[in-house]
PDB file of N, CA and C in Angstrom:
ATOM      1  N   MET A   1      60.337 -73.761 -90.725  1.00  0.00           N
ATOM      2  CA  MET A   1      59.364 -72.885 -90.796  1.00  0.00           C
ATOM      3  C   MET A   1      57.836 -73.821 -90.819  1.00  0.00           C
ATOM      4  N   GLY A   2      57.944 -74.370 -91.841  1.00  0.00           N
ATOM      5  CA  GLY A   2      56.687 -75.220 -92.360  1.00  0.00           C
ATOM      6  C   GLY A   2      56.619 -76.498 -91.260  1.00  0.00           C
ATOM      7  N   ILE A   3      57.750 -77.008 -90.881  1.00  0.00           N
ATOM      8  CA  ILE A   3      57.526 -78.267 -89.854  1.00  0.00           C
ATOM      9  C   ILE A   3      56.802 -77.611 -88.554  1.00  0.00           C
ATOM     10  N   SER A   4      57.406 -76.567 -88.187  1.00  0.00           N
ATOM     11  CA  SER A   4      56.975 -76.061 -86.659  1.00  0.00           C
ATOM     12  C   SER A   4      55.580 -75.725 -86.894  1.00  0.00           C
ATOM     13  N   LEU A   5      55.017 -75.322 -87.782  1.00  0.00           N
ATOM     14  CA  LEU A   5      53.757 -74.729 -87.975  1.00  0.00           C
ATOM     15  C   LEU A   5      52.882 -76.051 -88.146  1.00  0.00           C
ATOM     16  N   PHE A   6      53.410 -77.136 -88.749  1.00  0.00           N
ATOM     17  CA  PHE A   6      52.582 -78.148 -88.904  1.00  0.00           C
ATOM     18  C   PHE A   6      52.758 -79.154 -87.581  1.00  0.00           C
ATOM     19  N   ALA A   7      53.621 -78.922 -86.753  1.00  0.00           N
ATOM     20  CA  ALA A   7      53.717 -79.606 -85.462  1.00  0.00           C
ATOM     21  C   ALA A   7      52.799 -78.807 -84.400  1.00  0.00           C
ATOM     22  N   ILE A   8      52.583 -77.689 -84.513  1.00  0.00           N
ATOM     23  CA  ILE A   8      51.704 -76.568 -83.738  1.00  0.00           C
ATOM     24  C   ILE A   8      50.608 -77.109 -84.100  1.00  0.00           C
ATOM     25  N   GLY A   9      49.968 -77.040 -85.365  1.00  0.00           N
ATOM     26  CA  GLY A   9      48.704 -77.438 -85.861  1.00  0.00           C
ATOM     27  C   GLY A   9      48.146 -78.749 -85.426  1.00  0.00           C
ATOM     28  N   ALA A  10      49.049 -79.835 -85.333  1.00  0.00           N
ATOM     29  CA  ALA A  10      48.921 -81.123 -84.903  1.00  0.00           C
ATOM     30  C   ALA A  10      48.752 -81.155 -83.699  1.00  0.00           C
ATOM     31  N   LEU A  11      49.365 -80.448 -82.809  1.00  0.00           N
ATOM     32  CA  LEU A  11      49.079 -80.581 -81.324  1.00  0.00           C
ATOM     33  C   LEU A  11      47.927 -79.855 -81.068  1.00  0.00           C
ATOM     34  N   GLY A  12      47.492 -78.748 -81.730  1.00  0.00           N
ATOM     35  CA  GLY A  12      46.176 -78.059 -81.598  1.00  0.00           C
ATOM     36  C   GLY A  12      45.031 -79.127 -81.755  1.00  0.00           C
ATOM     37  N   MET A  13      45.215 -79.775 -82.819  1.00  0.00           N
ATOM     38  CA  MET A  13      43.844 -80.712 -83.207  1.00  0.00           C
ATOM     39  C   MET A  13      43.901 -81.523 -82.059  1.00  0.00           C
ATOM     40  N   LEU A  14      45.076 -82.308 -81.799  1.00  0.00           N
ATOM     41  CA  LEU A  14      44.845 -83.263 -80.794  1.00  0.00           C
ATOM     42  C   LEU A  14      44.253 -82.610 -79.233  1.00  0.00           C
ATOM     43  N   ILE A  15      44.685 -81.574 -78.919  1.00  0.00           N
ATOM     44  CA  ILE A  15      43.967 -80.809 -77.989  1.00  0.00           C
ATOM     45  C   ILE A  15      42.510 -80.696 -77.939  1.00  0.00           C
ATOM     46  N   PHE A  16      41.943 -80.208 -79.292  1.00  0.00           N
ATOM     47  CA  PHE A  16      40.720 -79.861 -79.332  1.00  0.00           C
ATOM     48  C   PHE A  16      39.900 -81.268 -79.576  1.00  0.00           C
ATOM     49  N   GLY A  17      40.470 -82.312 -80.114  1.00  0.00           N
ATOM     50  CA  GLY A  17      39.922 -83.558 -80.235  1.00  0.00           C
ATOM     51  C   GLY A  17      39.819 -84.325 -78.767  1.00  0.00           C
ATOM     52  N   TYR A  18      40.686 -84.211 -77.868  1.00  0.00           N
ATOM     53  CA  TYR A  18      40.781 -84.714 -76.420  1.00  0.00           C
ATOM     54  C   TYR A  18      39.800 -84.039 -75.767  1.00  0.00           C
ATOM     55  N   ALA A  19      39.658 -82.591 -75.851  1.00  0.00           N
ATOM     56  CA  ALA A  19      38.651 -81.929 -75.124  1.00  0.00           C
ATOM     57  C   ALA A  19      37.070 -82.201 -75.705  1.00  0.00           C
ATOM     58  N   GLY A  20      37.205 -82.490 -76.804  1.00  0.00           N
ATOM     59  CA  GLY A  20      35.646 -82.911 -77.321  1.00  0.00           C
ATOM     60  C   GLY A  20      35.216 -84.252 -76.657  1.00  0.00           C
ATOM     61  N   TRP A  21      36.164 -85.109 -76.858  1.00  0.00           N
ATOM     62  CA  TRP A  21      36.018 -86.584 -76.151  1.00  0.00           C
ATOM     63  C   TRP A  21      35.539 -86.491 -74.849  1.00  0.00           C
ATOM     64  N   LYS A  22      36.461 -85.708 -73.912  1.00  0.00           N
ATOM     65  CA  LYS A  22      36.137 -85.739 -72.711  1.00  0.00           C
ATOM     66  C   LYS A  22      34.658 -85.001 -72.356  1.00  0.00           C
ATOM     67  N   GLY A  23      34.359 -84.132 -73.256  1.00  0.00           N
ATOM     68  CA  GLY A  23      32.884 -83.453 -73.202  1.00  0.00           C
ATOM     69  C   GLY A  23      32.033 -84.079 -73.351  1.00  0.00           C
ATOM     70  N   GLN A  24      32.113 -85.417 -74.395  1.00  0.00           N
ATOM     71  CA  GLN A  24      31.112 -86.172 -74.603  1.00  0.00           C
ATOM     72  C   GLN A  24      30.899 -87.176 -73.445  1.00  0.00           C
ATOM     73  N   GLN A  25      32.082 -87.523 -72.784  1.00  0.00           N
ATOM     74  CA  GLN A  25      31.948 -88.495 -71.708  1.00  0.00           C
ATOM     75  C   GLN A  25      31.342 -87.756 -70.293  1.00  0.00           C
ATOM     76  N   ASN A  26      31.818 -86.540 -70.180  1.00  0.00           N
ATOM     77  CA  ASN A  26      30.992 -85.802 -69.209  1.00  0.00           C
ATOM     78  C   ASN A  26      29.484 -85.584 -69.376  1.00  0.00           C
ATOM     79  N   ILE A  27      29.092 -85.516 -70.716  1.00  0.00           N
ATOM     80  CA  ILE A  27      27.510 -85.301 -70.797  1.00  0.00           C
ATOM     81  C   ILE A  27      26.847 -86.824 -70.486  1.00  0.00           C
ATOM     82  N   ARG A  28      27.458 -87.821 -71.117  1.00  0.00           N
ATOM     83  CA  ARG A  28      27.110 -89.068 -70.966  1.00  0.00           C
ATOM     84  C   ARG A  28      26.723 -89.541 -69.349  1.00  0.00           C
ATOM     85  N   ALA A  29      27.787 -89.194 -68.564  1.00  0.00           N
ATOM     86  CA  ALA A  29      27.874 -89.295 -67.278  1.00  0.00           C
ATOM     87  C   ALA A  29      26.788 -88.488 -66.645  1.00  0.00           C
ATOM     88  N   LEU A  30      26.570 -87.310 -66.854  1.00  0.00           N
ATOM     89  CA  LEU A  30      25.515 -86.370 -66.314  1.00  0.00           C
ATOM     90  C   LEU A  30      24.092 -87.009 -66.594  1.00  0.00           C
ATOM     91  N   ILE A  31      24.013 -87.329 -67.918  1.00  0.00           N
ATOM     92  CA  ILE A  31      22.721 -87.839 -68.215  1.00  0.00           C
ATOM     93  C   ILE A  31      22.333 -89.086 -67.440  1.00  0.00           C
ATOM     94  N   HIS A  32      23.493 -90.263 -67.264  1.00  0.00           N
ATOM     95  CA  HIS A  32      23.182 -91.251 -66.435  1.00  0.00           C
ATOM     96  C   HIS A  32      22.918 -91.107 -65.120  1.00  0.00           C
ATOM     97  N   ASP A  33      23.504 -89.988 -64.419  1.00  0.00           N
ATOM     98  CA  ASP A  33      23.299 -89.588 -63.262  1.00  0.00           C
ATOM     99  C   ASP A  33      21.772 -89.134 -63.136  1.00  0.00           C
ATOM    100  N   PHE A  34      21.524 -88.301 -63.856  1.00  0.00           N
ATOM    101  CA  PHE A  34      20.065 -87.730 -63.904  1.00  0.00           C
ATOM    102  C   PHE A  34      18.930 -88.997 -64.136  1.00  0.00           C
ATOM    103  N   ASP A  35      19.363 -89.834 -64.982  1.00  0.00           N
ATOM    104  CA  ASP A  35      18.547 -90.968 -65.173  1.00  0.00           C
ATOM    105  C   ASP A  35      18.233 -91.683 -63.851  1.00  0.00           C
ATOM    106  N   GLN A  36      19.394 -92.001 -63.021  1.00  0.00           N
ATOM    107  CA  GLN A  36      19.363 -92.792 -62.110  1.00  0.00           C
ATOM    108  C   GLN A  36      18.552 -91.930 -60.765  1.00  0.00           C
ATOM    109  N   LYS A  37      18.500 -90.567 -60.993  1.00  0.00           N
ATOM    110  CA  LYS A  37      17.856 -89.821 -59.750  1.00  0.00           C
ATOM    111  C   LYS A  37      16.518 -89.976 -60.100  1.00  0.00           C
ATOM    112  N   ILE A  38      16.060 -89.892 -61.484  1.00  0.00           N
ATOM    113  CA  ILE A  38      14.628 -89.896 -61.795  1.00  0.00           C
ATOM    114  C   ILE A  38      13.960 -91.269 -61.460  1.00  0.00           C
ATOM    115  N   GLU A  39      14.667 -92.429 -61.715  1.00  0.00           N
ATOM    116  CA  GLU A  39      14.334 -93.926 -61.276  1.00  0.00           C
ATOM    117  C   GLU A  39      14.064 -93.918 -60.014  1.00  0.00           C
ATOM    118  N   TYR A  40      15.051 -93.304 -59.058  1.00  0.00           N
ATOM    119  CA  TYR A  40      14.997 -93.314 -57.492  1.00  0.00           C
ATOM    120  C   TYR A  40      13.738 -92.463 -57.304  1.00  0.00           C
ATOM    121  N   PHE A  41      13.661 -91.325 -57.695  1.00  0.00           N
ATOM    122  CA  PHE A  41      12.395 -90.552 -57.357  1.00  0.00           C
ATOM    123  C   PHE A  41      11.206 -91.251 -57.766  1.00  0.00           C
ATOM    124  N   TYR A  42      10.808 -91.955 -58.668  1.00  0.00           N
ATOM    125  CA  TYR A  42       9.675 -92.584 -59.101  1.00  0.00           C
ATOM    126  C   TYR A  42       9.461 -93.882 -58.066  1.00  0.00           C
ATOM    127  N   LYS A  43      10.742 -94.418 -57.571  1.00  0.00           N
ATOM    128  CA  LYS A  43      10.460 -95.707 -56.791  1.00  0.00           C
ATOM    129  C   LYS A  43      10.321 -95.064 -55.470  1.00  0.00           C
ATOM    130  N   ALA A  44      10.812 -94.167 -55.067  1.00  0.00           N
ATOM    131  CA  ALA A  44      10.647 -93.648 -53.696  1.00  0.00           C
ATOM    132  C   ALA A  44       9.022 -93.073 -53.393  1.00  0.00           C
ATOM    133  N   HIS A  45       8.594 -92.613 -54.590  1.00  0.00           N
ATOM    134  CA  HIS A  45       7.167 -91.976 -54.410  1.00  0.00           C
ATOM    135  C   HIS A  45       6.024 -92.732 -55.176  1.00  0.00           C
ATOM    136  N   LYS A  46       6.162 -94.161 -54.825  1.00  0.00           N
ATOM    137  CA  LYS A  46       5.318 -94.922 -55.486  1.00  0.00           C
ATOM    138  C   LYS A  46       3.832 -94.668 -54.978  1.00  0.00           C
ATOM    139  N   ASN A  47       3.756 -94.389 -53.504  1.00  0.00           N
ATOM    140  CA  ASN A  47       2.482 -94.173 -52.843  1.00  0.00           C
ATOM    141  C   ASN A  47       1.654 -93.277 -53.386  1.00  0.00           C
ATOM    142  N   VAL A  48       2.308 -92.287 -54.048  1.00  0.00           N
ATOM    143  CA  VAL A  48       1.451 -91.068 -54.609  1.00  0.00           C
ATOM    144  C   VAL A  48       0.748 -91.465 -55.467  1.00  0.00           C
ATOM    145  N   SER A  49      -0.677 -91.152 -55.902  1.00  0.00           N
ATOM    146  CA  SER A  49      -1.896 -91.640 -56.530  1.00  0.00           C
ATOM    147  C   SER A  49      -1.416 -91.390 -58.079  1.00  0.00           C
ATOM    148  N   SER A  50      -1.615 -92.480 -58.716  1.00  0.00           N
ATOM    149  CA  SER A  50      -1.420 -92.187 -60.204  1.00  0.00           C
ATOM    150  C   SER A  50      -2.095 -91.050 -60.697  1.00  0.00           C
ATOM    151  N   SER A  51      -3.185 -90.571 -60.186  1.00  0.00           N
ATOM    152  CA  SER A  51      -3.955 -89.606 -60.785  1.00  0.00           C
ATOM    153  C   SER A  51      -3.499 -88.146 -60.767  1.00  0.00           C
ATOM    154  N   LYS A  52      -2.589 -88.198 -59.673  1.00  0.00           N
ATOM    155  CA  LYS A  52      -2.054 -86.959 -59.240  1.00  0.00           C
ATOM    156  C   LYS A  52      -0.596 -86.676 -59.834  1.00  0.00           C
ATOM    157  N   ARG A  53      -0.068 -87.474 -60.517  1.00  0.00           N
ATOM    158  CA  ARG A  53       1.205 -87.400 -61.242  1.00  0.00           C
ATOM    159  C   ARG A  53       1.068 -87.639 -62.422  1.00  0.00           C
ATOM    160  N   LYS A  54       1.916 -86.992 -63.436  1.00  0.00           N
ATOM    161  CA  LYS A  54       2.002 -87.093 -64.934  1.00  0.00           C
ATOM    162  C   LYS A  54       2.531 -88.328 -65.407  1.00  0.00           C
ATOM    163  N   LYS A  55       2.022 -89.169 -66.220  1.00  0.00           N
ATOM    164  CA  LYS A  55       2.755 -89.998 -66.810  1.00  0.00           C
ATOM    165  C   LYS A  55       3.867 -89.681 -67.860  1.00  0.00           C
ATOM    166  N   VAL A  56       5.145 -90.398 -67.408  1.00  0.00           N
ATOM    167  CA  VAL A  56       6.530 -90.100 -68.058  1.00  0.00           C
ATOM    168  C   VAL A  56       6.758 -91.208 -68.650  1.00  0.00           C
ATOM    169  N   LYS A  57       7.014 -91.405 -70.009  1.00  0.00           N
ATOM    170  CA  LYS A  57       7.238 -92.544 -70.893  1.00  0.00           C
ATOM    171  C   LYS A  57       8.963 -92.360 -70.741  1.00  0.00           C
ATOM    172  N   HIS A  58       9.613 -93.452 -70.249  1.00  0.00           N
ATOM    173  CA  HIS A  58      10.937 -93.708 -70.132  1.00  0.00           C
ATOM    174  C   HIS A  58      11.383 -94.505 -71.240  1.00  0.00           C
ATOM    175  N   SER A  59      12.711 -94.144 -71.846  1.00  0.00           N
ATOM    176  CA  SER A  59      13.010 -94.946 -73.298  1.00  0.00           C
ATOM    177  C   SER A  59      14.075 -95.761 -72.589  1.00  0.00           C
TER     178      SER A  59
END
């Protein structure tokens, strides 16, 4: 009984750990994609006068 509960608990911890790791990867990919879109937007709209758009500080 104890061994089966231990195995089920270990399997559950592995599943939750894997889900958290994949979630972090997805968030990083999403942030990277939005950064690329923002960079493209600013490069594509360079002709807009600087007085009309807000200054954004990129990190």
